[in-house]
């Protein structure tokens, strides 16, 4: 795999002199009935008049007064005709100007504005998705849900709403990339139930997204004209920007294939804009890496599991798959395929299956069919530190699937498995030495253990699992409100299957058994 030329970084000393006045900027597009067409079936809107890139190429690629090595390098590449610039690229600010890039920062970037009707309907605010934009698009929303039981960052909201994962994938595959802050979802604990490459999540709250916006804009501008054209045609703008962000963070090809390069959330202190610009310009059109597509072929995660009988199959999208461990098993297995991945240049691909997060002693990855498929076995994980030098705790295993085409390694597709850390589980070894569930305390509310109400419930009981001398599962004993009841292995009590309902305990859901009439 190739590196990226350091000589370009050194050339910044020869950059063009700075202009004394602010440049003209690309005219904004105001989104409203005159420029939009409604999709009545979905309630979504489509932009019908993308910007004409022709007149914009005469504008500076970046504010002539911008400082820093990345800006100087980009300015020099543009002057040489070696960079595509930002003509034809849309900028979508979705926080009503709270954390907006100034038009003069990137004069060629076409800003979107939302008309009164769009604002009335709330189509201008929050996550990407309500408006179907023809890419490439760079966007941001420095907002979050800050009150109520479902308070969460926008990225966590995207992961935990029914249509969120599909919409995130749609934007990723349509040359759109957005930046959102993690806002309190990645401070002492990583509260995200999954990891994915569909957006950039910035460490911090308001305005933490701005350094990443600037770095992504400069990187997109630095692609060679013919490379950018190929990326747009193949729907690979966002995946390639993600690869560059992560590859420069890693510093080497070896480090790129580790969890350090692929966190859930990115800190601006690790951002390397000058190297991103250099790598982007080094990428030849015949070398662009593919978009990795994965699919679960077989698994023992269930459609209904746990006390509330909820699905363990959290979401399935082409470049991110997530599962939530709810059942009582100590080990789970999956067969995952990346065979649908195709290199845009027809190159042969080598696949890498990498444990990005989790205990290597508890995750076993066995590639098959030359690496295009893999058998994955995962054991139960209690909460653990993300890294030795990182005090944050996590309850999630991440596996990255990469494709190498002989020139570059792709952005990852990611398989995530999250564990219900609000449950207190105790395990023991059976007669055969295999681990089995001995006890579960489901009373998170009683223990004041935090949990995500969009995904989990508390229940006011503790289950003790029962086994025969030979290890046969005999059911469980449930302690609830000072009373004890015996459950058969099939979940019945005295031949009756209990009925449960979810009640609201101060906006925290709790599972209760419905009394018999």
Protein backbone atom coordinates (compact mmCIF):
# COMPACT_ATOMS: atom_id res chain seq x y z
CA UNK A 1 0.00 0.00 0.00
CA UNK A 2 1.26 3.46 -0.85
CA UNK A 3 2.03 6.26 1.53
CA UNK A 4 1.40 9.91 0.73
CA UNK A 5 4.06 12.35 -0.43
CA UNK A 6 5.65 14.45 2.29
CA UNK A 7 7.15 16.63 -0.46
CA UNK A 8 3.78 18.27 -0.91
CA UNK A 9 3.77 19.28 2.72
CA UNK A 10 7.18 20.88 2.35
CA UNK A 11 6.04 22.90 -0.64
CA UNK A 12 3.81 25.10 1.50
CA UNK A 13 6.70 27.51 1.90
CA UNK A 14 6.29 28.38 -1.76
CA UNK A 15 2.58 29.16 -1.46
CA UNK A 16 1.05 32.14 -3.16
CA UNK A 17 0.98 35.41 -1.19
CA UNK A 18 -2.15 36.22 0.76
CA UNK A 19 -4.70 38.64 -0.66
CA UNK A 20 -5.57 41.75 1.25
CA UNK A 21 -9.32 41.62 0.66
CA UNK A 22 -11.99 38.99 1.25
CA UNK A 23 -12.96 37.19 -1.98
CA UNK A 24 -16.33 37.01 -3.65
CA UNK A 25 -18.29 33.91 -2.74
CA UNK A 26 -20.61 31.43 -4.42
CA UNK A 27 -24.25 32.52 -4.34
CA UNK A 28 -26.46 30.60 -1.89
CA UNK A 29 -29.31 28.40 -3.04
CA UNK A 30 -32.52 29.08 -1.13
CA UNK A 31 -34.54 25.93 -0.70
CA UNK A 32 -38.26 26.43 -1.21
CA UNK A 33 -41.13 25.77 -3.61
CA UNK A 34 -39.24 27.39 -6.51
CA UNK A 35 -36.24 25.08 -6.23
CA UNK A 36 -37.70 21.99 -4.68
CA UNK A 37 -39.98 19.14 -5.66
CA UNK A 38 -41.99 17.31 -3.01
CA UNK A 39 -42.00 13.53 -2.66
CA UNK A 40 -45.48 13.20 -1.21
CA UNK A 41 -45.22 9.52 -0.36
CA UNK A 42 -42.34 9.97 2.03
CA UNK A 43 -42.82 13.59 3.02
CA UNK A 44 -39.28 14.30 1.86
CA UNK A 45 -38.00 16.95 -0.51
CA UNK A 46 -35.62 16.75 -3.47
CA UNK A 47 -33.34 19.54 -4.69
CA UNK A 48 -33.98 19.97 -8.40
CA UNK A 49 -31.46 22.72 -9.15
CA UNK A 50 -27.90 21.79 -8.13
CA UNK A 51 -25.28 24.53 -8.51
CA UNK A 52 -23.62 25.19 -11.84
CA UNK A 53 -19.90 24.68 -11.12
CA UNK A 54 -18.74 26.67 -14.14
CA UNK A 55 -18.78 30.26 -12.79
CA UNK A 56 -17.46 29.16 -9.40
CA UNK A 57 -14.06 27.95 -10.58
CA UNK A 58 -12.84 31.54 -10.86
CA UNK A 59 -13.18 32.01 -7.09
CA UNK A 60 -10.37 31.22 -4.64
CA UNK A 61 -10.44 27.65 -3.35
CA UNK A 62 -10.01 28.87 0.23
CA UNK A 63 -10.01 32.26 1.93
CA UNK A 64 -6.69 33.88 0.90
CA UNK A 65 -6.26 34.98 4.51
CA UNK A 66 -6.57 31.45 5.89
CA UNK A 67 -3.44 30.30 7.72
CA UNK A 68 -1.93 26.91 8.47
CA UNK A 69 -0.05 24.30 6.46
CA UNK A 70 -3.21 22.69 5.08
CA UNK A 71 -4.52 25.97 3.68
CA UNK A 72 -1.15 26.88 2.21
CA UNK A 73 -0.77 23.47 0.59
CA UNK A 74 -4.28 23.53 -0.85
CA UNK A 75 -3.74 27.02 -2.24
CA UNK A 76 -0.59 25.89 -4.01
CA UNK A 77 -2.22 22.76 -5.47
CA UNK A 78 -5.09 24.91 -6.76
CA UNK A 79 -2.71 27.39 -8.34
CA UNK A 80 -0.99 24.55 -10.19
CA UNK A 81 -4.29 23.18 -11.48
CA UNK A 82 -3.74 19.96 -9.54
CA UNK A 83 -6.79 20.23 -7.26
CA UNK A 84 -10.48 19.99 -8.20
CA UNK A 85 -11.61 22.68 -5.79
CA UNK A 86 -15.13 22.94 -4.37
CA UNK A 87 -17.17 24.15 -7.35
CA UNK A 88 -20.39 22.15 -7.40
CA UNK A 89 -20.14 21.14 -3.73
CA UNK A 90 -23.06 22.03 -1.47
CA UNK A 91 -22.73 23.12 2.15
CA UNK A 92 -25.73 22.19 4.31
CA UNK A 93 -25.88 23.82 7.74
CA UNK A 94 -28.71 22.25 9.74
CA UNK A 95 -28.53 24.19 13.01
CA UNK A 96 -29.90 27.52 11.77
CA UNK A 97 -26.51 29.20 11.78
CA UNK A 98 -25.46 28.13 15.26
CA UNK A 99 -22.20 26.59 13.98
CA UNK A 100 -22.07 27.68 10.35
CA UNK A 101 -19.00 27.97 8.15
CA UNK A 102 -18.64 31.56 6.98
CA UNK A 103 -19.09 31.86 3.16
CA UNK A 104 -15.67 33.48 2.87
CA UNK A 105 -13.89 30.45 4.37
CA UNK A 106 -14.44 28.41 1.20
CA UNK A 107 -15.64 30.82 -1.52
CA UNK A 108 -16.42 28.06 -4.05
CA UNK A 109 -18.66 26.14 -1.64
CA UNK A 110 -22.35 26.68 -2.44
CA UNK A 111 -24.28 27.30 0.81
CA UNK A 112 -27.87 26.19 1.18
CA UNK A 113 -30.47 28.39 2.80
CA UNK A 114 -33.91 27.23 3.90
CA UNK A 115 -37.00 29.23 2.98
CA UNK A 116 -39.89 29.97 5.34
CA UNK A 117 -41.90 26.91 4.33
CA UNK A 118 -38.95 24.59 4.96
CA UNK A 119 -38.31 26.16 8.36
CA UNK A 120 -41.99 25.93 9.26
CA UNK A 121 -41.90 22.20 8.65
CA UNK A 122 -38.62 21.76 10.55
CA UNK A 123 -36.89 20.43 7.43
CA UNK A 124 -33.89 22.69 8.04
CA UNK A 125 -32.90 21.36 11.46
CA UNK A 126 -31.13 18.32 12.88
CA UNK A 127 -30.04 15.19 11.09
CA UNK A 128 -29.52 14.84 7.37
CA UNK A 129 -32.41 13.03 5.71
CA UNK A 130 -35.51 15.22 5.29
CA UNK A 131 -34.04 16.80 2.15
CA UNK A 132 -32.66 14.67 -0.66
CA UNK A 133 -29.62 16.54 -1.96
CA UNK A 134 -27.58 15.64 -4.99
CA UNK A 135 -23.97 15.34 -3.77
CA UNK A 136 -21.32 16.03 -3.07
CA UNK A 137 -22.50 17.63 0.16
CA UNK A 138 -20.65 18.66 3.32
CA UNK A 139 -22.90 19.45 6.25
CA UNK A 140 -23.27 19.78 10.00
CA UNK A 141 -25.72 20.30 12.83
CA UNK A 142 -24.21 21.32 16.15
CA UNK A 143 -27.35 20.34 18.07
CA UNK A 144 -28.67 17.57 20.31
CA UNK A 145 -31.80 16.48 22.16
CA UNK A 146 -31.00 18.03 25.54
CA UNK A 147 -34.02 17.22 27.74
CA UNK A 148 -36.37 14.37 28.57
CA UNK A 149 -35.80 10.66 28.94
CA UNK A 150 -34.68 10.41 25.31
CA UNK A 151 -32.02 13.12 25.58
CA UNK A 152 -29.16 12.12 23.29
CA UNK A 153 -26.82 13.34 20.59
CA UNK A 154 -27.95 13.42 16.98
CA UNK A 155 -25.71 10.48 16.01
CA UNK A 156 -27.15 8.33 18.81
CA UNK A 157 -30.63 9.40 17.75
CA UNK A 158 -29.81 8.31 14.19
CA UNK A 159 -28.72 4.92 15.50
CA UNK A 160 -31.75 4.40 17.75
CA UNK A 161 -34.69 5.50 15.58
CA UNK A 162 -36.31 3.09 13.15
CA UNK A 163 -35.38 4.85 9.91
CA UNK A 164 -32.15 6.42 11.20
CA UNK A 165 -29.62 3.76 10.09
CA UNK A 166 -31.12 3.47 6.60
CA UNK A 167 -31.07 7.26 6.14
CA UNK A 168 -27.48 7.46 7.38
CA UNK A 169 -26.43 4.81 4.86
CA UNK A 170 -28.34 6.57 2.10
CA UNK A 171 -26.40 9.80 2.61
CA UNK A 172 -23.07 7.97 2.88
CA UNK A 173 -23.63 6.22 -0.46
CA UNK A 174 -24.84 9.45 -2.12
CA UNK A 175 -21.64 11.51 -1.59
CA UNK A 176 -22.92 13.33 1.51
CA UNK A 177 -20.87 13.64 4.70
CA UNK A 178 -22.04 15.36 7.88
CA UNK A 179 -20.40 16.20 11.20
CA UNK A 180 -22.28 16.09 14.51
CA UNK A 181 -21.05 16.54 18.12
CA UNK A 182 -21.28 13.64 20.56
CA UNK A 183 -22.74 15.97 23.26
CA UNK A 184 -22.41 13.97 26.53
CA UNK A 185 -22.63 10.59 24.82
CA UNK A 186 -18.87 9.99 24.87
CA UNK A 187 -17.49 11.53 28.05
CA UNK A 188 -16.95 9.06 30.92
CA UNK A 189 -18.81 6.30 29.03
CA UNK A 190 -19.25 5.52 25.34
CA UNK A 191 -23.06 5.44 25.18
CA UNK A 192 -23.30 4.66 21.48
CA UNK A 193 -24.86 1.25 20.79
CA UNK A 194 -22.95 0.92 17.51
CA UNK A 195 -20.05 2.28 15.49
CA UNK A 196 -20.35 3.21 11.84
CA UNK A 197 -18.56 5.18 9.09
CA UNK A 198 -21.67 7.04 7.93
CA UNK A 199 -20.87 10.36 9.65
CA UNK A 200 -18.10 12.07 11.60
CA UNK A 201 -18.87 12.42 15.31
CA UNK A 202 -16.83 15.10 17.09
CA UNK A 203 -15.77 14.98 20.73
CA UNK A 204 -17.53 17.79 22.61
CA UNK A 205 -20.63 19.87 22.12
CA UNK A 206 -21.42 23.04 20.17
CA UNK A 207 -18.75 24.09 17.66
CA UNK A 208 -16.64 20.95 18.17
CA UNK A 209 -17.71 20.05 14.64
CA UNK A 210 -16.09 23.08 13.00
CA UNK A 211 -12.47 21.81 12.79
CA UNK A 212 -13.70 18.66 11.07
CA UNK A 213 -15.87 20.61 8.64
CA UNK A 214 -12.87 22.69 7.59
CA UNK A 215 -10.58 19.66 7.29
CA UNK A 216 -13.13 17.74 5.20
CA UNK A 217 -13.74 20.74 2.93
CA UNK A 218 -10.01 21.17 2.30
CA UNK A 219 -9.61 17.45 1.69
CA UNK A 220 -12.46 17.32 -0.80
CA UNK A 221 -11.05 20.38 -2.58
CA UNK A 222 -7.62 18.71 -2.83
CA UNK A 223 -8.68 15.70 -4.90
CA UNK A 224 -7.39 15.82 -8.45
CA UNK A 225 -10.17 16.79 -10.89
CA UNK A 226 -10.27 13.36 -12.50
CA UNK A 227 -10.22 11.63 -9.09
CA UNK A 228 -13.09 13.69 -7.75
CA UNK A 229 -15.11 12.97 -10.90
CA UNK A 230 -14.60 9.21 -10.40
CA UNK A 231 -15.49 9.43 -6.71
CA UNK A 232 -18.72 11.25 -7.48
CA UNK A 233 -19.67 8.85 -10.25
CA UNK A 234 -19.04 5.81 -8.05
CA UNK A 235 -20.71 7.24 -4.91
CA UNK A 236 -17.41 7.06 -3.04
CA UNK A 237 -16.86 10.64 -1.87
CA UNK A 238 -17.90 10.03 1.76
CA UNK A 239 -16.19 6.61 2.15
CA UNK A 240 -12.95 8.01 0.74
CA UNK A 241 -13.05 11.06 3.02
CA UNK A 242 -13.58 8.69 5.95
CA UNK A 243 -10.60 6.60 4.86
CA UNK A 244 -8.39 9.69 4.67
CA UNK A 245 -9.52 11.02 8.06
CA UNK A 246 -8.77 7.66 9.70
CA UNK A 247 -5.58 6.86 7.76
CA UNK A 248 -3.94 10.16 8.68
CA UNK A 249 -5.06 9.72 12.31
CA UNK A 250 -3.34 6.33 12.36
CA UNK A 251 -0.06 7.51 10.85
CA UNK A 252 0.82 4.13 9.30
CA UNK A 253 -0.80 1.27 7.41
CA UNK A 254 -0.26 -1.04 10.36
CA UNK A 255 -1.89 1.35 12.84
CA UNK A 256 -4.76 1.91 10.41
CA UNK A 257 -5.82 -1.70 10.99
CA UNK A 258 -6.29 -1.17 14.73
CA UNK A 259 -9.04 0.26 16.88
CA UNK A 260 -7.05 3.43 17.54
CA UNK A 261 -7.80 4.61 13.99
CA UNK A 262 -11.53 3.89 14.15
CA UNK A 263 -13.07 5.32 17.33
CA UNK A 264 -16.76 6.00 17.69
CA UNK A 265 -15.95 9.68 18.22
CA UNK A 266 -13.06 11.78 16.89
CA UNK A 267 -11.14 14.37 18.91
CA UNK A 268 -9.94 17.44 17.03
CA UNK A 269 -6.54 17.10 18.72
CA UNK A 270 -5.85 14.08 16.49
CA UNK A 271 -6.93 15.88 13.32
CA UNK A 272 -4.18 16.29 10.70
CA UNK A 273 -5.57 18.55 7.95
CA UNK A 274 -2.32 19.05 6.03
CA UNK A 275 -1.76 15.29 5.77
CA UNK A 276 -5.39 14.83 4.73
CA UNK A 277 -4.94 17.35 1.91
CA UNK A 278 -1.71 15.67 0.81
CA UNK A 279 -3.17 12.16 0.83
CA UNK A 280 -6.27 13.26 -1.09
CA UNK A 281 -4.15 14.80 -3.82
CA UNK A 282 -2.01 11.67 -4.03
CA UNK A 283 -5.02 9.47 -4.77
CA UNK A 284 -5.13 8.56 -8.45
CA UNK A 285 -8.50 7.88 -10.10
CA UNK A 286 -7.51 4.31 -10.94
CA UNK A 287 -6.60 3.57 -7.32
CA UNK A 288 -9.66 4.71 -5.36
CA UNK A 289 -10.62 2.13 -2.73
CA UNK A 290 -14.00 0.39 -2.75
CA UNK A 291 -16.98 0.71 -0.46
CA UNK A 292 -17.13 -2.42 1.68
CA UNK A 293 -20.55 -4.09 1.75
CA UNK A 294 -21.32 -6.73 4.37
CA UNK A 295 -24.24 -9.06 4.94
CA UNK A 296 -25.08 -11.49 7.76
CA UNK A 297 -25.64 -14.95 6.30
CA UNK A 298 -26.31 -16.87 9.54
CA UNK A 299 -26.43 -16.04 13.23
CA UNK A 300 -27.88 -17.05 16.57
CA UNK A 301 -28.98 -13.55 17.55
CA UNK A 302 -32.76 -13.80 17.83
CA UNK A 303 -35.83 -11.89 16.73
CA UNK A 304 -37.07 -11.88 20.34
CA UNK A 305 -34.97 -12.24 23.48
CA UNK A 306 -34.57 -10.87 26.99
CA UNK A 307 -37.34 -10.10 29.50
CA UNK A 308 -39.19 -7.78 27.12
CA UNK A 309 -38.89 -10.11 24.12
CA UNK A 310 -37.21 -7.50 21.92
CA UNK A 311 -35.17 -8.23 18.82
CA UNK A 312 -31.41 -8.59 19.10
CA UNK A 313 -31.05 -7.63 15.44
CA UNK A 314 -30.57 -3.91 15.94
CA UNK A 315 -29.98 -2.87 12.33
CA UNK A 316 -28.60 -4.18 9.04
CA UNK A 317 -27.22 -1.72 6.49
CA UNK A 318 -24.64 -2.35 3.76
CA UNK A 319 -21.61 -0.93 5.61
CA UNK A 320 -22.72 -1.21 9.24
CA UNK A 321 -24.47 -4.03 11.10
CA UNK A 322 -25.37 -3.91 14.79
CA UNK A 323 -26.66 -6.42 17.31
CA UNK A 324 -27.81 -6.05 20.93
CA UNK A 325 -27.07 -8.98 23.23
CA UNK A 326 -30.28 -9.70 25.16
CA UNK A 327 -30.43 -13.49 25.49
CA UNK A 328 -28.90 -15.69 28.20
CA UNK A 329 -26.15 -17.35 26.15
CA UNK A 330 -22.49 -16.79 27.00
CA UNK A 331 -21.30 -17.19 23.39
CA UNK A 332 -22.82 -16.16 20.06
CA UNK A 333 -21.86 -16.89 16.46
CA UNK A 334 -22.33 -15.21 13.08
CA UNK A 335 -21.33 -15.88 9.49
CA UNK A 336 -20.72 -12.56 7.73
CA UNK A 337 -19.99 -12.03 4.05
CA UNK A 338 -18.22 -9.17 2.26
CA UNK A 339 -18.56 -10.86 -1.15
CA UNK A 340 -20.77 -8.07 -2.53
CA UNK A 341 -17.84 -5.63 -2.33
CA UNK A 342 -16.60 -4.63 -5.78
CA UNK A 343 -13.52 -2.57 -6.58
CA UNK A 344 -14.46 0.42 -8.80
CA UNK A 345 -11.37 -0.17 -10.93
CA UNK A 346 -11.78 -3.91 -11.33
CA UNK A 347 -8.79 -4.68 -9.10
CA UNK A 348 -8.55 -7.87 -7.07
CA UNK A 349 -9.42 -7.36 -3.42
CA UNK A 350 -7.89 -8.66 -0.21
CA UNK A 351 -10.14 -8.55 2.85
CA UNK A 352 -9.03 -7.84 6.40
CA UNK A 353 -11.23 -8.71 9.40
CA UNK A 354 -9.99 -6.76 12.41
CA UNK A 355 -11.10 -6.65 16.05
CA UNK A 356 -11.28 -2.90 16.66
CA UNK A 357 -12.72 -3.08 20.17
CA UNK A 358 -13.13 -5.98 22.56
CA UNK A 359 -11.18 -8.68 24.39
CA UNK A 360 -9.07 -10.71 21.91
CA UNK A 361 -9.52 -13.73 24.17
CA UNK A 362 -13.30 -13.46 23.80
CA UNK A 363 -13.61 -12.76 20.08
CA UNK A 364 -12.62 -15.33 17.45
CA UNK A 365 -12.61 -14.37 13.76
CA UNK A 366 -12.07 -17.17 11.25
CA UNK A 367 -11.89 -15.98 7.59
CA UNK A 368 -13.34 -18.23 4.90
CA UNK A 369 -13.32 -18.38 1.10
CA UNK A 370 -10.10 -16.44 0.79
CA UNK A 371 -11.23 -13.86 3.33
CA UNK A 372 -14.44 -12.72 1.64
CA UNK A 373 -16.49 -14.37 4.41
CA UNK A 374 -15.79 -14.99 8.08
CA UNK A 375 -17.14 -16.95 11.01
CA UNK A 376 -17.25 -14.73 14.10
CA UNK A 377 -17.67 -16.07 17.64
CA UNK A 378 -18.10 -13.63 20.54
CA UNK A 379 -18.26 -14.30 24.28
CA UNK A 380 -20.02 -12.12 26.81
CA UNK A 381 -18.21 -8.88 27.74
CA UNK A 382 -18.67 -6.99 30.99
CA UNK A 383 -18.03 -3.22 30.71
CA UNK A 384 -14.36 -2.53 29.96
CA UNK A 385 -12.07 0.47 29.29
CA UNK A 386 -11.86 1.53 25.64
CA UNK A 387 -8.08 1.66 25.86
CA UNK A 388 -5.39 1.54 28.49
CA UNK A 389 -4.82 5.29 28.27
CA UNK A 390 -8.50 6.16 27.86
CA UNK A 391 -10.61 6.21 31.00
CA UNK A 392 -13.89 5.88 29.10
CA UNK A 393 -15.83 2.67 29.60
CA UNK A 394 -17.61 0.77 26.87
CA UNK A 395 -19.95 -2.20 26.57
CA UNK A 396 -19.54 -2.83 22.85
CA UNK A 397 -17.45 -5.03 20.56
CA UNK A 398 -16.52 -3.61 17.13
CA UNK A 399 -15.15 -5.59 14.19
CA UNK A 400 -13.88 -3.73 11.12
CA UNK A 401 -14.00 -5.25 7.64
CA UNK A 402 -11.55 -3.66 5.17
CA UNK A 403 -10.82 -4.23 1.49
CA UNK A 404 -7.37 -3.61 0.00
CA UNK A 405 -7.06 -3.18 -3.78
CA UNK A 406 -3.26 -3.19 -3.98
CA UNK A 407 -2.98 0.59 -3.70
CA UNK A 408 -5.12 1.65 -0.74
CA UNK A 409 -7.10 0.10 2.10
CA UNK A 410 -10.75 1.10 2.19
CA UNK A 411 -12.77 2.73 4.93
CA UNK A 412 -14.19 0.01 7.16
CA UNK A 413 -17.56 -1.59 7.24
CA UNK A 414 -18.26 -2.19 10.92
CA UNK A 415 -20.03 -4.98 12.80
CA UNK A 416 -20.99 -3.92 16.33
CA UNK A 417 -22.36 -5.95 19.23
CA UNK A 418 -23.50 -4.03 22.32
CA UNK A 419 -24.11 -5.55 25.75
CA UNK A 420 -26.83 -4.60 28.29
CA UNK A 421 -24.55 -3.07 30.90
CA UNK A 422 -27.57 -2.07 33.04
CA UNK A 423 -28.11 -5.75 33.83
CA UNK A 424 -26.03 -7.34 36.60
CA UNK A 425 -25.15 -10.80 35.28
CA UNK A 426 -23.24 -13.54 37.08
CA UNK A 427 -21.74 -16.47 35.20
CA UNK A 428 -20.44 -19.85 36.35
CA UNK A 429 -18.73 -22.84 34.78
CA UNK A 430 -20.90 -25.89 34.08
CA UNK A 431 -19.84 -29.56 34.41
CA UNK A 432 -18.26 -29.40 30.95
CA UNK A 433 -16.31 -26.23 31.80
CA UNK A 434 -18.42 -24.03 29.54
CA UNK A 435 -19.70 -20.78 31.03
CA UNK A 436 -23.42 -20.53 31.76
CA UNK A 437 -25.70 -17.89 33.22
CA UNK A 438 -26.20 -18.21 36.97
CA UNK A 439 -28.07 -15.02 37.88
CA UNK A 440 -29.39 -11.79 36.38
CA UNK A 441 -30.54 -8.73 38.29
CA UNK A 442 -32.79 -6.81 35.88
CA UNK A 443 -33.71 -4.05 38.38
CA UNK A 444 -31.70 -1.20 36.87
CA UNK A 445 -34.07 1.39 38.32
CA UNK A 446 -33.70 -0.09 41.81
CA UNK A 447 -29.91 -0.07 41.51
CA UNK A 448 -29.99 3.39 39.88
CA UNK A 449 -28.11 1.97 36.89
CA UNK A 450 -28.40 4.09 33.76
CA UNK A 451 -29.79 2.63 30.55
CA UNK A 452 -31.05 3.83 27.18
CA UNK A 453 -34.88 3.85 27.27
CA UNK A 454 -35.00 3.71 23.48
CA UNK A 455 -33.35 0.29 23.61
CA UNK A 456 -33.78 -1.26 27.05
CA UNK A 457 -36.17 -1.63 29.97
CA UNK A 458 -35.72 -2.27 33.68
CA UNK A 459 -37.62 -5.05 35.47
CA UNK A 460 -38.14 -5.29 39.27
CA UNK A 461 -36.86 -8.83 39.67
CA UNK A 462 -33.83 -11.09 39.88
CA UNK A 463 -33.64 -14.47 38.13
CA UNK A 464 -31.59 -17.42 39.46
CA UNK A 465 -30.94 -20.02 36.76
CA UNK A 466 -31.29 -23.69 37.68
CA UNK A 467 -29.38 -26.68 36.26
CA UNK A 468 -29.35 -30.42 36.87
CA UNK A 469 -26.21 -32.38 37.89
CA UNK A 470 -25.48 -33.12 34.22
CA UNK A 471 -25.85 -29.45 33.24
CA UNK A 472 -29.42 -29.74 31.93
CA UNK A 473 -31.24 -26.38 32.04
CA UNK A 474 -34.20 -26.64 34.44
CA UNK A 475 -35.59 -23.10 34.32
CA UNK A 476 -35.20 -20.28 36.81
CA UNK A 477 -36.34 -18.97 40.16
CA UNK A 478 -37.57 -15.39 40.13
CA UNK A 479 -37.39 -13.07 43.16
CA UNK A 480 -39.84 -10.19 42.84
CA UNK A 481 -41.15 -8.02 45.67
CA UNK A 482 -40.13 -10.49 48.36
CA UNK A 483 -41.86 -13.38 46.60
CA UNK A 484 -40.30 -16.28 44.70
CA UNK A 485 -41.72 -18.17 41.71
CA UNK A 486 -40.44 -21.09 39.66
CA UNK A 487 -40.32 -20.78 35.86
CA UNK A 488 -40.03 -23.76 33.52
CA UNK A 489 -37.39 -23.74 30.75
CA UNK A 490 -40.01 -22.54 28.26
CA UNK A 491 -40.83 -19.48 30.43
CA UNK A 492 -44.18 -20.78 31.76
CA UNK A 493 -45.34 -20.71 35.39
CA UNK A 494 -47.75 -23.50 36.35
CA UNK A 495 -48.37 -24.08 32.66
CA UNK A 496 -49.17 -20.42 31.93
CA UNK A 497 -47.06 -18.03 29.94
CA UNK A 498 -47.02 -14.69 31.81
CA UNK A 499 -48.05 -11.51 30.01
CA UNK A 500 -45.92 -8.40 30.45
CA UNK A 501 -46.42 -4.70 29.81
CA UNK A 502 -44.06 -1.73 29.88
CA UNK A 503 -44.89 1.04 32.34
CA UNK A 504 -43.39 4.50 32.61
CA UNK A 505 -41.42 5.01 35.82
CA UNK A 506 -40.56 8.70 35.66
CA UNK A 507 -39.83 8.40 31.91
CA UNK A 508 -37.79 5.26 32.50
CA UNK A 509 -39.51 2.16 31.10
CA UNK A 510 -40.09 -0.74 33.48
CA UNK A 511 -41.41 -4.17 32.60
CA UNK A 512 -44.27 -5.42 34.77
CA UNK A 513 -46.22 -8.67 34.76
CA UNK A 514 -49.92 -8.21 34.02
CA UNK A 515 -51.98 -9.80 36.83
CA UNK A 516 -54.35 -12.63 35.91
CA UNK A 517 -58.03 -11.69 35.76
